[in-house]
C-alpha atoms as a PDB file:
ATOM      1  CA  MET A   1       0.000   0.000   0.000  1.00  0.00           C
ATOM      2  CA  GLU A   2       1.475   3.330  -1.061  1.00  0.00           C
ATOM      3  CA  MET A   3       1.132   6.400   1.093  1.00  0.00           C
ATOM      4  CA  GLU A   4       2.250   9.990   0.926  1.00  0.00           C
ATOM      5  CA  SER A   5       4.490  11.275   3.670  1.00  0.00           C
ATOM      6  CA  HIS A   6       5.940  14.660   4.488  1.00  0.00           C
ATOM      7  CA  ASN A   7       8.790  12.964   6.361  1.00  0.00           C
ATOM      8  CA  PRO A   8       9.265   9.359   5.202  1.00  0.00           C
ATOM      9  CA  TYR A   9      12.447   8.919   7.303  1.00  0.00           C
ATOM     10  CA  GLU A  10      10.548   9.618  10.526  1.00  0.00           C
ATOM     11  CA  ASP A  11       7.627   7.481   9.376  1.00  0.00           C
ATOM     12  CA  PHE A  12       9.904   4.513   8.639  1.00  0.00           C
ATOM     13  CA  GLN A  13      11.729   4.942  11.931  1.00  0.00           C
ATOM     14  CA  GLN A  14       8.523   5.202  13.958  1.00  0.00           C
ATOM     15  CA  SER A  15       7.013   2.213  12.185  1.00  0.00           C
ATOM     16  CA  MET A  16      10.122   0.105  12.829  1.00  0.00           C
ATOM     17  CA  LEU A  17      10.202   1.124  16.488  1.00  0.00           C
ATOM     18  CA  ASN A  18       6.525   0.281  16.905  1.00  0.00           C
ATOM     19  CA  MET A  19       7.059  -3.171  15.386  1.00  0.00           C
ATOM     20  CA  ILE A  20      10.186  -3.825  17.484  1.00  0.00           C
ATOM     21  CA  ILE A  21       8.340  -2.979  20.677  1.00  0.00           C
ATOM     22  CA  HIS A  22       5.018  -4.594  19.812  1.00  0.00           C
ATOM     23  CA  ASP A  23       6.504  -7.845  18.515  1.00  0.00           C
ATOM     24  CA  HIS A  24       9.467  -7.971  20.946  1.00  0.00           C
ATOM     25  CA  LEU A  25      12.022  -8.074  18.129  1.00  0.00           C
ATOM     26  CA  PHE A  26      15.378  -7.858  19.866  1.00  0.00           C
ATOM     27  CA  SER A  27      17.645 -10.520  18.358  1.00  0.00           C
ATOM     28  CA  ALA A  28      19.817  -9.722  15.354  1.00  0.00           C
ATOM     29  CA  PRO A  29      18.033 -12.261  13.088  1.00  0.00           C
ATOM     30  CA  GLN A  30      14.630 -10.798  13.997  1.00  0.00           C
ATOM     31  CA  LEU A  31      15.822  -7.247  13.367  1.00  0.00           C
ATOM     32  CA  PHE A  32      17.363  -8.151  10.033  1.00  0.00           C
ATOM     33  CA  GLN A  33      14.140  -9.881   9.038  1.00  0.00           C
ATOM     34  CA  LEU A  34      12.299  -6.645   9.865  1.00  0.00           C
ATOM     35  CA  LEU A  35      14.807  -4.634   7.818  1.00  0.00           C
ATOM     36  CA  ASN A  36      14.466  -7.017   4.866  1.00  0.00           C
ATOM     37  CA  CYS A  37      10.689  -6.745   5.099  1.00  0.00           C
ATOM     38  CA  PHE A  38      10.847  -2.946   4.921  1.00  0.00           C
ATOM     39  CA  LEU A  39      13.273  -3.095   2.000  1.00  0.00           C
ATOM     40  CA  SER A  40      11.210  -5.624   0.048  1.00  0.00           C
ATOM     41  CA  LEU A  41       7.917  -3.791   0.573  1.00  0.00           C
ATOM     42  CA  ASN A  42       9.160  -0.339  -0.372  1.00  0.00           C
ATOM     43  CA  SER A  43      10.537   1.295  -3.472  1.00  0.00           C
ATOM     44  CA  PRO A  44      14.294   1.238  -3.972  1.00  0.00           C
ATOM     45  CA  ALA A  45      14.018   5.041  -4.014  1.00  0.00           C
ATOM     46  CA  HIS A  46      13.330   4.843  -0.260  1.00  0.00           C
ATOM     47  CA  HIS A  47      15.968   2.261   0.664  1.00  0.00           C
ATOM     48  CA  HIS A  48      18.478   4.885   1.810  1.00  0.00           C
ATOM     49  CA  LEU A  49      15.876   6.271   4.239  1.00  0.00           C
ATOM     50  CA  ILE A  50      15.017   2.797   5.527  1.00  0.00           C
ATOM     51  CA  LEU A  51      18.673   1.888   6.044  1.00  0.00           C
ATOM     52  CA  SER A  52      19.349   5.193   7.767  1.00  0.00           C
ATOM     53  CA  ALA A  53      16.320   4.799  10.053  1.00  0.00           C
ATOM     54  CA  PHE A  54      17.374   1.236  10.908  1.00  0.00           C
ATOM     55  CA  PHE A  55      20.949   2.308  11.622  1.00  0.00           C
ATOM     56  CA  HIS A  56      19.887   5.169  13.881  1.00  0.00           C
ATOM     57  CA  LEU A  57      17.401   2.975  15.731  1.00  0.00           C
ATOM     58  CA  SER A  58      20.093   0.375  16.314  1.00  0.00           C
ATOM     59  CA  ILE A  59      22.332   3.023  17.855  1.00  0.00           C
ATOM     60  CA  HIS A  60      19.523   4.518  19.889  1.00  0.00           C
ATOM     61  CA  LEU A  61      18.459   1.124  21.226  1.00  0.00           C
ATOM     62  CA  SER A  62      22.111   0.299  22.039  1.00  0.00           C
ATOM     63  CA  LEU A  63      22.089  -2.933  20.108  1.00  0.00           C
ATOM     64  CA  PRO A  64      25.326  -4.891  20.428  1.00  0.00           C
ATOM     65  CA  ARG A  65      27.720  -4.027  17.630  1.00  0.00           C
ATOM     66  CA  HIS A  66      28.597  -7.701  17.018  1.00  0.00           C
ATOM     67  CA  SER A  67      24.926  -8.381  16.212  1.00  0.00           C
ATOM     68  CA  PHE A  68      25.415  -6.654  12.887  1.00  0.00           C
ATOM     69  CA  SER A  69      28.609  -8.358  11.758  1.00  0.00           C
ATOM     70  CA  LYS A  70      26.836 -11.033   9.695  1.00  0.00           C
END
């Protein structure tokens, strides 16, 4: 489903955070599955925003650095 957004970065970040909290997604495999879902469901034109939102959330949530080495 396509939607217009005045700030897609914030919308992606808020949506990811909501899903992480609601579904208790805290392991690296779960988070990467969430990231892949966002990437596959959205236009490649938005991938840089999705990746940036994911990166900033991972820092904000203090996810272990080694979780992202694979």
